[in-house]
Protein backbone atom coordinates (compact mmCIF):
# COMPACT_ATOMS: atom_id res chain seq x y z
CA MET A 1 0.00 55.03 -28.44
CA SER A 2 3.18 54.51 -30.44
CA GLU A 3 5.05 53.69 -27.26
CA THR A 4 2.49 50.98 -26.43
CA TRP A 5 2.88 49.38 -29.86
CA THR A 6 6.66 49.58 -29.57
CA ARG A 7 6.66 47.85 -26.19
CA THR A 8 4.22 45.23 -27.45
CA ALA A 9 6.39 44.47 -30.49
CA THR A 10 9.44 44.22 -28.24
CA ALA A 11 7.60 41.80 -25.97
CA LEU A 12 6.56 39.62 -28.91
CA ALA A 13 10.10 39.59 -30.31
CA VAL A 14 11.63 38.65 -26.96
CA TYR A 15 9.10 35.88 -26.42
CA ALA A 16 9.67 34.53 -29.95
CA VAL A 17 13.39 34.35 -29.25
CA PHE A 18 12.65 32.51 -26.01
CA LEU A 19 10.44 29.96 -27.79
CA LEU A 20 13.17 29.37 -30.39
CA VAL A 21 15.81 28.83 -27.71
CA GLU A 22 13.43 26.59 -25.75
CA ARG A 23 12.74 24.42 -28.80
CA LEU A 24 16.44 24.03 -29.59
CA ALA A 25 17.18 23.13 -25.98
CA LEU A 26 14.37 20.57 -26.01
CA ARG A 27 15.81 18.89 -29.10
CA ALA A 28 19.23 18.79 -27.51
CA VAL A 29 17.81 17.16 -24.38
CA ARG A 30 15.94 14.55 -26.45
CA GLY A 31 19.16 13.83 -28.34
CA LEU A 32 20.96 13.08 -25.11
CA GLY A 33 18.27 10.52 -24.27
CA ARG A 34 18.78 8.41 -21.17
CA ARG A 35 22.14 10.02 -20.43
CA ALA A 36 20.39 13.18 -19.22
CA VAL A 37 17.61 11.87 -17.00
CA VAL A 38 17.53 15.07 -14.95
CA LEU A 39 17.16 17.32 -17.98
CA SER A 40 14.55 15.05 -19.57
CA SER A 41 12.43 15.02 -16.43
CA LEU A 42 12.87 18.76 -15.98
CA SER A 43 11.78 19.53 -19.53
CA GLU A 44 8.79 17.21 -19.25
CA HIS A 45 7.37 18.73 -16.06
CA THR A 46 8.35 22.39 -16.49
CA ARG A 47 7.88 23.06 -20.20
CA ALA A 48 4.29 24.35 -19.97
CA PRO A 49 4.71 26.40 -16.75
CA LEU A 50 8.02 27.80 -18.02
CA ARG A 51 6.37 29.13 -21.20
CA TRP A 52 3.58 30.84 -19.26
CA PHE A 53 6.00 32.19 -16.65
CA MET A 54 8.32 33.64 -19.30
CA ALA A 55 5.34 35.21 -21.05
CA ALA A 56 4.36 36.90 -17.78
CA VAL A 57 7.96 38.02 -17.16
CA VAL A 58 8.30 39.47 -20.66
CA LEU A 59 5.03 41.37 -20.31
CA TRP A 60 6.00 42.56 -16.83
CA SER A 61 9.32 43.93 -18.03
CA THR A 62 8.09 45.55 -21.23
CA VAL A 63 4.47 46.69 -21.26
CA ARG A 64 3.64 46.90 -17.55
CA GLU A 65 4.14 50.64 -17.33
CA VAL A 66 1.65 51.40 -20.09
CA LEU A 67 -1.07 49.02 -18.92
CA PRO A 68 -4.18 50.14 -17.00
CA HIS A 69 -4.20 49.47 -13.29
CA ALA A 70 -6.59 46.50 -13.57
CA LEU A 71 -4.46 44.77 -16.22
CA ASP A 72 -1.32 45.55 -14.25
CA HIS A 73 -2.84 43.86 -11.20
CA LEU A 74 -3.93 40.88 -13.29
CA LEU A 75 -0.40 40.57 -14.67
CA SER A 76 0.99 40.52 -11.13
CA LEU A 77 -1.38 37.70 -10.19
CA ALA A 78 -0.38 35.75 -13.31
CA LEU A 79 3.30 36.20 -12.50
CA ILE A 80 2.83 34.81 -8.98
CA ALA A 81 0.66 31.90 -10.16
CA THR A 82 2.95 30.84 -13.01
CA GLY A 83 6.02 31.18 -10.79
CA ALA A 84 4.45 28.84 -8.22
CA TRP A 85 3.45 26.45 -11.01
CA LEU A 86 7.03 26.43 -12.31
CA LEU A 87 8.44 25.80 -8.83
CA ALA A 88 5.99 22.93 -8.25
CA GLY A 89 6.92 21.40 -11.61
CA THR A 90 10.60 21.62 -10.67
CA LEU A 91 9.93 19.81 -7.39
CA VAL A 92 8.02 17.06 -9.23
CA SER A 93 10.85 16.64 -11.75
CA VAL A 94 13.41 16.35 -8.95
CA GLU A 95 11.24 13.71 -7.26
CA HIS A 96 10.93 11.67 -10.46
CA THR A 97 14.67 11.89 -11.06
CA VAL A 98 15.50 10.62 -7.60
CA LEU A 99 12.85 7.88 -7.75
CA SER A 100 14.16 6.70 -11.12
CA ARG A 101 17.51 5.93 -9.48
CA LEU A 102 15.92 3.75 -6.78
CA ARG A 103 15.91 0.04 -7.51
CA VAL A 104 12.57 -1.12 -6.14
CA ASN A 105 12.41 -4.26 -8.31
CA GLU A 106 15.08 -6.07 -6.33
CA ARG A 107 14.28 -8.73 -3.74
CA ASP A 108 15.68 -6.78 -0.80
CA ASN A 109 14.37 -3.32 -1.59
CA ARG A 110 13.53 -2.03 1.88
CA HIS A 111 15.84 0.98 1.68
CA ALA A 112 14.59 1.93 -1.78
CA ARG A 113 10.95 1.70 -0.71
CA ARG A 114 11.63 3.77 2.41
CA MET A 115 13.26 6.50 0.31
CA GLN A 116 10.38 6.29 -2.17
CA THR A 117 7.83 6.84 0.59
CA GLN A 118 9.67 9.75 2.17
CA ILE A 119 10.43 11.53 -1.12
CA THR A 120 6.84 11.21 -2.30
CA LEU A 121 5.38 12.62 0.91
CA VAL A 122 7.97 15.40 1.18
CA ARG A 123 7.24 16.46 -2.40
CA ARG A 124 3.52 16.58 -1.65
CA VAL A 125 4.13 18.70 1.47
CA THR A 126 6.38 21.14 -0.39
CA VAL A 127 4.01 21.45 -3.35
CA ALA A 128 1.12 22.12 -0.96
CA ALA A 129 3.24 24.71 0.86
CA VAL A 130 4.16 26.42 -2.44
CA ALA A 131 0.49 26.55 -3.45
CA ALA A 132 -0.52 27.98 -0.06
CA LEU A 133 2.21 30.65 -0.15
CA ALA A 134 1.33 31.58 -3.73
CA PHE A 135 -2.33 31.95 -2.79
CA ALA A 136 -1.39 34.09 0.21
CA ALA A 137 0.88 36.27 -1.94
CA MET A 138 -1.89 36.74 -4.49
CA LEU A 139 -4.31 37.78 -1.75
CA MET A 140 -1.83 40.29 -0.36
CA THR A 141 -1.82 42.15 -3.69
CA PHE A 142 -5.35 43.35 -2.86
CA PRO A 143 -5.37 46.40 -0.54
CA ALA A 144 -8.45 45.16 1.30
CA ALA A 145 -6.77 41.83 1.98
CA ARG A 146 -3.67 43.59 3.34
CA THR A 147 -5.82 45.60 5.72
CA ALA A 148 -7.69 42.49 6.82
CA GLY A 149 -4.41 40.66 7.23
CA THR A 150 -3.09 43.31 9.60
CA SER A 151 -6.14 42.97 11.81
CA LEU A 152 -6.02 39.21 11.62
CA LEU A 153 -2.45 39.15 12.88
CA ALA A 154 -3.61 40.81 16.08
CA SER A 155 -5.98 37.93 16.80
CA ALA A 156 -3.90 35.15 15.26
CA GLY A 157 -3.88 33.16 18.49
CA VAL A 158 -7.66 33.01 18.76
CA ILE A 159 -8.13 32.28 15.08
CA GLY A 160 -5.42 29.61 15.18
CA ALA A 161 -7.12 27.88 18.09
CA ILE A 162 -10.48 27.96 16.31
CA ALA A 163 -8.96 26.67 13.09
CA ALA A 164 -7.15 23.90 14.93
CA LEU A 165 -10.39 22.75 16.56
CA ALA A 166 -12.29 22.91 13.28
CA ALA A 167 -9.61 21.02 11.35
CA GLN A 168 -8.62 18.63 14.10
CA SER A 169 -9.35 15.53 12.06
CA LEU A 170 -7.56 16.89 8.99
CA LEU A 171 -4.51 17.97 10.98
CA GLY A 172 -4.43 14.60 12.73
CA ASN A 173 -4.30 12.83 9.38
CA VAL A 174 -1.58 15.21 8.11
CA PHE A 175 0.63 14.64 11.15
CA ALA A 176 0.00 10.91 10.89
CA GLY A 177 1.11 11.06 7.24
CA LEU A 178 4.33 12.79 8.25
CA GLN A 179 4.82 10.19 10.97
CA ILE A 180 4.47 7.42 8.41
CA ALA A 181 7.01 9.11 6.15
CA PHE A 182 9.76 9.48 8.73
CA SER A 183 9.11 6.76 11.31
CA ASP A 184 9.75 3.93 8.81
CA ALA A 185 6.77 2.05 10.25
CA ILE A 186 5.48 1.37 6.76
CA ARG A 187 6.62 1.99 3.20
CA LEU A 188 5.19 1.89 -0.28
CA ASP A 189 4.83 -1.68 -1.59
CA ASP A 190 4.87 -3.19 1.92
CA VAL A 191 2.76 -6.31 2.37
CA VAL A 192 0.33 -5.80 5.25
CA ILE A 193 -2.72 -7.27 6.94
CA VAL A 194 -5.02 -4.43 8.01
CA GLU A 195 -8.72 -4.46 8.84
CA GLY A 196 -8.61 -8.23 8.31
CA GLU A 197 -7.47 -7.82 4.68
CA TRP A 198 -4.21 -8.94 3.08
CA GLY A 199 -2.73 -6.56 0.56
CA ARG A 200 0.07 -4.24 -0.52
CA ILE A 201 0.54 -0.52 0.20
CA GLU A 202 -0.18 1.15 -3.13
CA ASP A 203 -0.19 4.85 -2.21
CA ILE A 204 0.48 7.01 0.84
CA THR A 205 -0.70 10.62 1.05
CA LEU A 206 -0.77 13.11 3.90
CA THR A 207 -4.38 12.27 4.76
CA TYR A 208 -4.98 8.68 3.64
CA LEU A 209 -3.29 5.58 2.30
CA VAL A 210 -4.47 2.99 -0.22
CA VAL A 211 -4.06 -0.75 0.27
CA HIS A 212 -4.25 -2.85 -2.90
CA ILE A 213 -6.00 -6.00 -1.68
CA TRP A 214 -5.18 -9.37 -3.23
CA ASP A 215 -8.52 -9.53 -5.12
CA ASP A 216 -7.87 -6.10 -6.75
CA ARG A 217 -10.06 -4.13 -4.37
CA ARG A 218 -8.68 -0.92 -2.86
CA LEU A 219 -8.96 -0.24 0.85
CA VAL A 220 -8.69 3.49 1.60
CA ILE A 221 -7.81 4.22 5.23
CA PRO A 222 -7.26 7.62 6.90
CA THR A 223 -3.66 7.87 8.06
CA ALA A 224 -4.69 8.75 11.62
CA ARG A 225 -6.82 5.61 11.88
CA PHE A 226 -4.11 3.49 10.31
CA MET A 227 -1.48 4.65 12.81
CA SER A 228 -3.82 4.32 15.81
CA HIS A 229 -4.75 0.67 15.15
CA PRO A 230 -2.47 -2.37 15.08
CA PHE A 231 -1.58 -3.90 11.73
CA GLU A 232 0.74 -6.62 10.45
CA ASN A 233 3.68 -5.59 8.27
CA TRP A 234 5.14 -8.67 6.61
CA THR A 235 8.02 -6.89 4.89
CA ARG A 236 9.25 -4.31 7.39
CA ARG A 237 12.65 -5.89 7.97
CA GLU A 238 12.97 -8.03 4.87
CA ALA A 239 10.82 -9.39 2.11
CA ALA A 240 11.58 -13.06 2.89
CA LEU A 241 8.91 -14.81 4.98
CA LEU A 242 8.08 -18.12 6.66
CA GLY A 243 4.79 -19.92 6.04
CA THR A 244 3.06 -23.02 7.37
CA VAL A 245 0.81 -25.76 6.06
CA GLU A 246 -1.08 -27.86 8.63
CA LEU A 247 -2.67 -31.24 7.95
CA ASP A 248 -4.62 -33.64 10.17
CA VAL A 249 -3.71 -37.27 9.49
CA ASP A 250 -4.24 -40.66 11.07
CA TRP A 251 -1.92 -41.94 13.79
CA ALA A 252 -0.66 -44.53 11.32
CA MET A 253 0.98 -41.89 9.09
CA PRO A 254 4.78 -42.49 8.77
CA VAL A 255 6.02 -39.02 9.70
CA ASP A 256 9.60 -39.63 8.51
CA ARG A 257 8.38 -40.45 5.00
CA MET A 258 6.12 -37.41 5.01
CA ARG A 259 9.09 -35.25 6.03
CA ALA A 260 11.15 -36.65 3.16
CA GLU A 261 8.29 -36.01 0.75
CA LEU A 262 8.09 -32.38 1.89
CA ARG A 263 11.80 -31.98 1.23
CA ARG A 264 11.42 -33.47 -2.24
CA ILE A 265 8.49 -31.16 -3.07
CA VAL A 266 10.29 -27.93 -2.17
CA GLU A 267 13.56 -29.00 -3.80
CA ASP A 268 11.70 -29.70 -7.03
CA ASN A 269 10.26 -26.15 -6.96
CA THR A 270 13.28 -23.95 -6.31
CA GLU A 271 11.65 -21.07 -8.20
CA LEU A 272 9.28 -20.80 -5.21
CA TRP A 273 11.40 -22.07 -2.31
CA ASP A 274 14.39 -19.93 -1.35
CA GLY A 275 16.26 -22.81 0.30
CA ARG A 276 16.31 -21.43 3.86
CA VAL A 277 13.74 -23.40 5.87
CA CYS A 278 12.02 -26.75 5.33
CA VAL A 279 10.70 -28.41 8.51
CA LEU A 280 7.90 -30.87 9.26
CA GLN A 281 6.83 -31.42 12.89
CA VAL A 282 4.01 -33.09 14.78
CA THR A 283 2.41 -30.24 16.70
CA GLU A 284 -0.60 -32.04 18.18
CA ALA A 285 -1.68 -35.63 18.84
CA VAL A 286 -5.06 -35.82 20.55
CA HIS A 287 -8.30 -37.73 20.00
CA GLY A 288 -8.29 -39.62 16.71
CA MET A 289 -5.89 -37.54 14.59
CA VAL A 290 -2.32 -36.26 14.48
CA ARG A 291 -1.63 -32.70 13.34
CA VAL A 292 1.54 -32.12 11.35
CA ARG A 293 2.88 -28.71 10.45
CA ALA A 294 5.08 -28.05 7.43
CA LEU A 295 7.20 -24.89 7.76
CA MET A 296 8.80 -23.42 4.64
CA SER A 297 10.32 -20.14 3.45
CA ALA A 298 10.07 -17.98 0.34
CA ALA A 299 11.55 -14.77 -0.98
CA ASP A 300 8.38 -12.68 -0.66
CA ALA A 301 4.71 -12.86 0.29
CA PRO A 302 3.18 -13.69 -3.13
CA THR A 303 5.76 -16.44 -3.71
CA LEU A 304 5.14 -17.82 -0.22
CA PHE A 305 1.40 -18.02 -0.87
CA ASP A 306 1.98 -20.01 -4.08
CA LEU A 307 4.46 -22.30 -2.30
CA ARG A 308 2.04 -23.03 0.54
CA CYS A 309 -0.75 -23.90 -1.88
CA LEU A 310 1.59 -26.18 -3.85
CA VAL A 311 2.87 -27.99 -0.76
CA ARG A 312 -0.64 -28.48 0.58
CA GLU A 313 -1.86 -29.91 -2.72
CA ARG A 314 1.12 -32.25 -3.18
CA LEU A 315 1.01 -33.57 0.40
CA VAL A 316 -2.71 -34.31 0.14
CA ALA A 317 -2.18 -36.13 -3.16
CA TRP A 318 0.79 -38.07 -1.75
CA THR A 319 -1.19 -39.11 1.34
CA THR A 320 -4.21 -40.36 -0.60
CA SER A 321 -2.13 -42.24 -3.17
CA GLU A 322 0.79 -43.62 -1.12
CA HIS A 323 -0.72 -43.95 2.36
CA PRO A 324 -4.52 -44.07 2.02
CA TYR A 325 -4.80 -45.78 5.42
CA ALA A 326 -3.50 -42.55 6.99
CA VAL A 327 -6.38 -40.44 5.68
CA PRO A 328 -8.37 -39.22 8.72
CA ARG A 329 -11.41 -41.37 9.48
CA LEU A 330 -13.98 -41.49 12.23
CA ARG A 331 -14.11 -45.00 13.77
CA THR A 332 -17.13 -46.56 15.45
CA GLU A 333 -17.01 -49.93 17.22
CA PRO A 334 -20.11 -51.96 18.21
CA VAL A 335 -20.59 -52.76 21.88
CA GLY A 336 -20.01 -56.44 22.63
CA HIS A 337 -23.05 -58.67 23.37
CA GLY A 338 -23.41 -59.81 26.95
CA PRO A 339 -25.84 -62.24 28.55
CA ARG A 340 -29.39 -62.19 27.36
CA HIS A 341 -30.81 -60.74 30.51
CA HIS A 342 -28.37 -57.79 30.38
CA GLU A 343 -29.33 -57.08 26.76
CA GLU A 344 -32.99 -56.97 27.69
CA ALA A 345 -32.42 -55.20 30.97
CA GLU A 346 -30.90 -52.10 29.31
CA PRO A 347 -33.87 -51.45 26.97
CA ASP A 348 -36.24 -52.11 29.84
CA ARG A 349 -34.59 -49.38 31.82
CA LEU A 350 -34.61 -47.13 28.76
CA PHE A 351 -38.27 -47.58 27.72
CA GLY A 352 -39.81 -48.73 30.99
CA ASP A 353 -41.50 -52.01 32.00
CA THR A 354 -44.83 -51.25 30.33
CA PRO A 355 -46.64 -52.78 27.34
CA ASP A 356 -45.56 -49.86 25.20
CA GLY A 357 -42.01 -50.08 26.53
CA ARG A 358 -41.80 -53.83 25.79
CA LYS A 359 -43.10 -53.14 22.27
CA ARG A 360 -40.29 -50.59 21.74
CA VAL A 361 -37.74 -53.04 23.13
CA HIS A 362 -38.85 -55.58 20.54
CA ALA A 363 -38.70 -52.97 17.73
CA PHE A 364 -35.17 -51.79 18.59
CA SER A 365 -33.59 -55.11 19.53
CA ASP A 366 -31.49 -57.09 16.99
CA HIS A 367 -33.57 -60.26 17.02
C-alpha cells in the first residue's frame, strides 16, 4: 500500500512540474507574438491533448505496475487515444501555419488557392488515417479482437470486396475528393457556375463540396457528382474576366457615338474596369432593330458583374436622353387607299356577298 502511495505522489509531482514548465513555455510563446507563428499555432491546437497525453504517460511510467488489470488496460487505451489526439492537433497546427503564409487576398492568387485546397484535403486525409489507426490499435489491445483479427486476415479479400461494394458511393466520393485536390481542376474560392447557379467554392471535403451562391444560399454537392458533370470555372487560369452587355436599338443609332460613350463610361470608373478590353460592335441587324454588344474586362467576377450593370444602366440612360429616336419602336404603316371598287371588293371577299356580309362591310369600312 505504501508503494502505491509513493508512486502516486511521484506521479503528481512529475505532472505538477510539467504543468509549470508548460505554463512558462506558453507565456514565452505569447511574448514572442507574431514572430513565432509556428509556436503560437502549435500551442493553440496541442495544449489540451498534450496535457492529457502527458498525464497518461506519467501514470503509465509510475503507477502502472501497481494498478489492477482493468485499470491498466484502461490506461493503455487512454494513452493511445491521447497520443492520436496530440498527433492530429499537430497536423492541424502545421496546416494553419502553412495556410497563414499563403496570400489569398491578392488579385492573382491561383497558386495560393491551389495550395490551400491541397493542404486542407491532405490534412483531413491524414487526420482520418490517424483516427482509424488509433481505433484499430485500441481494438487490438483486446484479446478477443486480436483473435478475430487473425481470422479476418485469412478472408481479407472477400471482406474487402464486400466492403468495397457496400461503400461504393462513399469511396467514389473520397477518390473524387482526392482528384479535386491534386488535379487542379478546382480550388477553394474559385468562381463557378454549377447546377445552373453562380457562386464561389467555399469548402471542399473528401465527400462533398460547398458552393456559396451569390444570394447567400449554400449548394452542397457530392464530389463524385461534381466531377462527373460539366461545370464552368471562371477563375481557373486567372481571376480577370471578360463580360458583355447587349442592347437592341433602332437602326438610326449612331454607333460611333455609342462606342465613344462606352469608352467614357469605363474610363470614369477605373475602380471597376481594369483597362484591358473595351469594345462595342454591331453583332446583329435584322428586322426592325440593331443589336450592339459592349465587351469589357474586370479584375474578378464580382467586379465584372458590377461593371456590367453600370455600363448597361449608363448606356440606357444615354440613349433615352441623347438619342431618343434610337429607342426601339414597333412601326405600323396604313395601307394606301385604292379605287373605290377595290376597297369594297376586299371586304366583300372577306365577309361574303350576303346581306349579313354587306352589313359587316359597312360596319368595318372607314366611311
